[in-house]
Each structure stands twice: as C-alpha cells, then as structure tokens.
Protein backbone atom coordinates (compact mmCIF):
# COMPACT_ATOMS: atom_id res chain seq x y z
CA UNK A 1 13.96 -3.23 -16.18
CA UNK A 2 10.96 -4.21 -18.30
CA UNK A 3 11.86 -7.20 -20.46
CA UNK A 4 8.46 -8.58 -21.51
CA UNK A 5 4.88 -7.41 -21.94
CA UNK A 6 1.89 -9.54 -22.99
CA UNK A 7 -1.34 -7.93 -24.18
CA UNK A 8 -4.61 -9.74 -24.69
CA UNK A 9 -7.96 -8.36 -25.92
CA UNK A 10 -7.03 -4.69 -25.53
CA UNK A 11 -8.71 -2.41 -28.10
CA UNK A 12 -7.74 -3.82 -31.55
CA UNK A 13 -5.09 -6.20 -30.21
CA UNK A 14 -6.06 -9.86 -29.98
CA UNK A 15 -2.82 -11.27 -28.57
CA UNK A 16 0.62 -9.71 -28.53
CA UNK A 17 3.81 -10.55 -26.70
CA UNK A 18 6.84 -8.25 -26.83
CA UNK A 19 10.24 -9.28 -25.56
CA UNK A 20 12.53 -6.34 -24.89
CA UNK A 21 16.29 -6.59 -24.75
CA UNK A 22 18.67 -4.82 -22.44
CA UNK A 23 19.58 -1.30 -23.39
CA UNK A 24 17.68 0.89 -25.83
CA UNK A 25 14.50 -0.43 -27.45
CA UNK A 26 12.47 1.38 -30.12
CA UNK A 27 8.84 0.78 -31.06
CA UNK A 28 8.16 2.15 -34.55
CA UNK A 29 5.33 2.06 -37.06
CA UNK A 30 3.05 4.15 -39.20
CA UNK A 31 0.19 6.17 -37.78
CA UNK A 32 -2.57 3.78 -36.77
CA UNK A 33 -0.25 0.79 -36.45
CA UNK A 34 -1.12 0.43 -32.76
CA UNK A 35 1.88 1.97 -30.98
CA UNK A 36 -0.36 4.05 -28.73
CA UNK A 37 -2.36 0.94 -27.80
CA UNK A 38 0.81 -0.78 -26.62
CA UNK A 39 1.78 2.27 -24.58
CA UNK A 40 -1.77 2.53 -23.23
CA UNK A 41 -1.69 -1.13 -22.21
CA UNK A 42 1.60 -0.54 -20.40
CA UNK A 43 0.18 2.42 -18.49
CA UNK A 44 -2.85 0.31 -17.57
CA UNK A 45 -0.76 -2.50 -16.12
CA UNK A 46 1.16 0.12 -14.15
CA UNK A 47 -2.02 1.33 -12.45
CA UNK A 48 -3.40 4.00 -14.77
CA UNK A 49 -7.16 4.40 -15.06
CA UNK A 50 -8.72 1.51 -16.96
CA UNK A 51 -12.34 0.97 -17.97
CA UNK A 52 -14.42 -1.45 -20.01
CA UNK A 53 -13.95 0.62 -23.17
CA UNK A 54 -10.44 -0.91 -23.41
CA UNK A 55 -11.86 -4.44 -23.74
CA UNK A 56 -11.80 -5.70 -27.32
CA UNK A 57 -15.26 -5.93 -28.85
CA UNK A 58 -16.86 -9.33 -28.25
CA UNK A 59 -14.44 -10.32 -25.45
CA UNK A 60 -15.12 -10.88 -21.76
CA UNK A 61 -12.01 -9.17 -20.45
CA UNK A 62 -8.75 -7.46 -21.34
CA UNK A 63 -5.49 -8.57 -19.76
CA UNK A 64 -2.00 -7.09 -19.68
CA UNK A 65 1.02 -8.68 -18.04
CA UNK A 66 4.44 -7.10 -17.66
CA UNK A 67 7.60 -8.82 -16.44
CA UNK A 68 10.33 -6.80 -14.73
CA UNK A 69 13.86 -7.54 -13.60
CA UNK A 70 14.20 -5.96 -10.12
CA UNK A 71 17.48 -7.66 -9.20
CA UNK A 72 19.15 -4.29 -8.64
CA UNK A 73 16.03 -2.32 -7.73
CA UNK A 74 16.17 -2.02 -3.93
CA UNK A 75 13.15 0.32 -3.77
CA UNK A 76 10.92 -2.15 -5.62
CA UNK A 77 12.09 -5.11 -3.54
CA UNK A 78 11.47 -3.17 -0.32
CA UNK A 79 7.89 -2.38 -1.35
CA UNK A 80 7.31 -6.02 -2.29
CA UNK A 81 8.65 -7.11 1.11
CA UNK A 82 6.10 -4.87 2.85
CA UNK A 83 3.34 -7.03 1.35
CA UNK A 84 5.20 -10.28 2.03
CA UNK A 85 5.94 -10.72 -1.67
CA UNK A 86 9.22 -11.85 -3.17
CA UNK A 87 10.62 -11.49 -6.67
CA UNK A 88 12.02 -14.95 -7.31
CA UNK A 89 15.32 -14.79 -9.16
CA UNK A 90 14.83 -11.03 -9.30
CA UNK A 91 11.73 -11.34 -11.53
CA UNK A 92 8.56 -9.40 -10.69
CA UNK A 93 5.40 -10.09 -12.70
CA UNK A 94 2.63 -7.49 -12.73
CA UNK A 95 -0.80 -8.23 -14.26
CA UNK A 96 -3.99 -6.22 -14.68
CA UNK A 97 -7.39 -7.39 -15.87
CA UNK A 98 -10.44 -5.33 -16.84
CA UNK A 99 -13.74 -7.13 -17.48
CA UNK A 100 -16.33 -6.07 -20.04
CA UNK A 101 -18.53 -5.15 -17.06
CA UNK A 102 -15.89 -2.76 -15.69
CA UNK A 103 -14.51 -4.88 -12.86
CA UNK A 104 -10.75 -4.84 -12.37
CA UNK A 105 -8.15 -7.14 -10.83
CA UNK A 106 -4.48 -6.51 -10.06
CA UNK A 107 -1.83 -9.13 -9.39
CA UNK A 108 1.80 -8.78 -8.36
CA UNK A 109 4.01 -11.86 -8.21
CA UNK A 110 0.85 -13.95 -8.53
CA UNK A 111 -0.93 -12.36 -5.53
CA UNK A 112 -3.99 -10.13 -5.73
CA UNK A 113 -3.19 -6.57 -4.57
CA UNK A 114 -4.94 -3.23 -4.36
CA UNK A 115 -4.57 -0.74 -7.19
CA UNK A 116 -2.92 1.79 -4.86
CA UNK A 117 -0.15 -0.72 -4.08
CA UNK A 118 0.35 -1.43 -7.79
CA UNK A 119 0.74 2.29 -8.52
CA UNK A 120 3.26 2.69 -5.72
CA UNK A 121 5.31 -0.26 -6.92
CA UNK A 122 5.15 0.85 -10.56
CA UNK A 123 6.59 4.23 -9.63
CA UNK A 124 9.85 2.50 -8.66
CA UNK A 125 10.12 0.47 -11.86
CA UNK A 126 8.99 2.57 -14.82
CA UNK A 127 8.95 6.21 -15.86
CA UNK A 128 6.97 6.94 -19.01
CA UNK A 129 7.87 10.31 -20.49
CA UNK A 130 4.89 12.02 -22.01
CA UNK A 131 2.51 10.30 -19.60
CA UNK A 132 2.29 12.59 -16.57
CA UNK A 133 0.88 9.86 -14.35
CA UNK A 134 4.29 8.17 -14.27
CA UNK A 135 6.71 11.09 -14.42
CA UNK A 136 8.35 11.03 -11.03
CA UNK A 137 9.71 14.53 -11.55
CA UNK A 138 6.10 15.77 -11.63
CA UNK A 139 5.16 13.88 -8.47
CA UNK A 140 5.55 16.15 -5.38
CA UNK A 141 5.86 13.12 -3.12
CA UNK A 142 9.15 12.25 -4.90
CA UNK A 143 10.77 15.69 -4.69
CA UNK A 144 12.23 15.29 -1.21
CA UNK A 145 13.87 11.98 -2.12
CA UNK A 146 15.48 13.65 -5.15
CA UNK A 147 16.99 16.33 -2.93
CA UNK A 148 18.16 13.79 -0.37
CA UNK A 149 19.85 11.73 -3.09
CA UNK A 150 21.59 14.81 -4.51
CA UNK A 151 22.91 15.90 -1.10
CA UNK A 152 25.40 13.02 -0.83
CA UNK A 153 26.73 10.67 1.85
CA UNK A 154 27.12 13.22 4.67
CA UNK A 155 23.49 14.19 4.29
CA UNK A 156 22.49 10.50 4.26
CA UNK A 157 24.22 10.03 7.63
CA UNK A 158 22.28 12.98 9.04
CA UNK A 159 19.06 11.49 7.70
CA UNK A 160 19.88 8.27 9.52
CA UNK A 161 20.41 10.16 12.79
CA UNK A 162 17.14 12.03 12.36
CA UNK A 163 15.32 8.76 11.62
CA UNK A 164 16.71 7.14 14.78
CA UNK A 165 15.86 10.21 16.87
CA UNK A 166 12.33 10.26 15.49
CA UNK A 167 11.89 6.55 16.22
CA UNK A 168 13.03 7.12 19.80
CA UNK A 169 10.67 10.10 20.10
CA UNK A 170 7.79 8.02 18.71
CA UNK A 171 8.55 5.21 21.17
CA UNK A 172 8.59 7.62 24.14
CA UNK A 173 5.40 9.24 22.92
CA UNK A 174 3.66 5.86 22.75
CA UNK A 175 4.91 5.03 26.25
CA UNK A 176 3.66 8.39 27.55
CA UNK A 177 0.25 7.78 25.99
CA UNK A 178 0.05 4.34 27.60
CA UNK A 179 0.95 5.77 31.02
CA UNK A 180 -1.58 8.55 30.58
CA UNK A 181 -4.30 6.05 29.69
CA UNK A 182 -3.36 3.91 32.70
CA UNK A 183 -3.55 6.91 35.05
CA UNK A 184 -6.93 7.93 33.64
CA UNK A 185 -8.26 4.39 34.08
CA UNK A 186 -7.04 4.24 37.68
CA UNK A 187 -8.67 7.62 38.38
CA UNK A 188 -11.99 6.34 37.01
CA UNK A 189 -11.77 3.28 39.26
CA UNK A 190 -10.93 5.48 42.26
CA UNK A 191 -13.94 7.73 41.59
CA UNK A 192 -16.22 4.70 41.23
CA UNK A 193 -15.01 3.19 44.52
CA UNK A 194 -15.36 6.57 46.30
CA UNK A 195 -18.95 6.89 45.06
CA UNK A 196 -19.77 3.37 46.26
CA UNK A 197 -18.28 4.09 49.68
CA UNK A 198 -20.42 7.21 49.96
CA UNK A 199 -23.54 5.16 49.21
CA UNK A 200 -22.55 2.56 51.81
CA UNK A 201 -21.90 5.25 54.44
CA UNK A 202 -25.27 6.85 53.63
CA UNK A 203 -27.23 3.74 54.65
CA UNK A 204 -25.10 3.29 57.81
CA UNK A 205 -24.93 -0.53 57.83
CA UNK A 206 -24.62 -2.30 61.20
CA UNK A 207 -22.60 -5.38 62.12
CA UNK A 208 -24.63 -8.52 61.48
CA UNK A 209 -27.31 -6.63 59.56
CA UNK A 210 -26.72 -8.66 56.42
CA UNK A 211 -27.37 -11.92 58.31
CA UNK A 212 -30.57 -10.47 59.77
CA UNK A 213 -31.79 -9.47 56.33
CA UNK A 214 -31.04 -12.90 54.90
CA UNK A 215 -33.07 -14.61 57.64
CA UNK A 216 -35.89 -12.14 57.16
CA UNK A 217 -35.99 -12.87 53.43
CA UNK A 218 -36.31 -16.63 54.12
CA UNK A 219 -39.48 -16.15 56.19
C-alpha cells in the first residue's frame, strides 16, 4: 500500500509531500491544478520513462520518493530478498532521480538498483488504471499467474509437483552436461598422448640414447 509520496522539482512542483491514509483516497482539483503532474511523478518513481524535460526549470534534478507498506505483500518481499534487500518494519522506500542533463538514478530501500529491477518490483505494489505501463491485466507475462491463482488449491499442488520435477530434471541435465564435458576432456587428453607416442615411436629411441646426447651437448 502506498502511504506517502514526496515530489521535488518536477515540472511546476517545487516541493510536495502527500500522506495517504488506508482505504480510498481521492485527488481532486480543477483543470491545470497539477493532478496529472502528481500521477506522472508516481509513474516515474515506478519505473516509467523519465527525461530531463520533467526537471523544473532552473533546477539541477527532479526527485520523487514513494513509501510503501509491504507487510502483507509476499511477492514484493520475495523480489526484495533476491537483491538482498529488506523492508524494515514492512516499509519499502522507492526513489527516482532525473538530472537536468538526463542522467537517472534509482534507489530501493536506500540501495541503488537498475531500472529493470524497479519496474519489476513496482508491478507487485501498484496498478495505475489508465496508464497501460502498470496495468497488470495488459501485461502478457502476468497472464499465466492470473490463471494459476484462479485454478485453486488443487492446481497449486500440481504446480508444486511440476516445479519439483523440473528442478530434478534441471539437476540431472546439469550433471549429464558435466559428465559429457569430462568425457570430452579425457578424449582430448587420450588423443594428445596417442599422438605423442606416435612421434616417439617414429624416432625409435634407444636405451641410454638420452645420456649419450647429453654428453655430446656438453662437448
């Protein structure tokens, strides 16, 4: 749940901090009051395309920070864990900066992250209707998870069995590849040794010949 957003130097906004309560929140105002700027700032901090045109005139950079409660959001916490990040007390802070020169910076829980990671995390926390970039229903990569969720507990058990079977298959495949590589390496060594033996046989060395050659080289 989004419960706070701070906007600084974005378009016409100098500084703005909105605290949102639990439940239904409404942002109202006349045309030109800046509602779209707030929504645009939110999409930017969630990973939407941002460029230097968003930076307020005369400022070095624009900054947007959003604070989320992910206490009950298992998907978001799992993605954070992949990057070694933790939402302390269930709070996840996401920040995005765009400089007047066009450079960008993303932070999640105080750590710098790639934009692709920010987008992936944002998809688990916010869905903005009317902004196609964040409508999960329009995202083909989400469709299978929707179907799996709808299918119920019995289907979930089958998914678990398939996941375990696939992991076992993947493990056996890796083991097979390692054995195959080992066999190929041994075959290369065998061929090298066979070639060297052929060269040795070709010169027909005699017993004690190496000692004779060493003495001859000392003369």
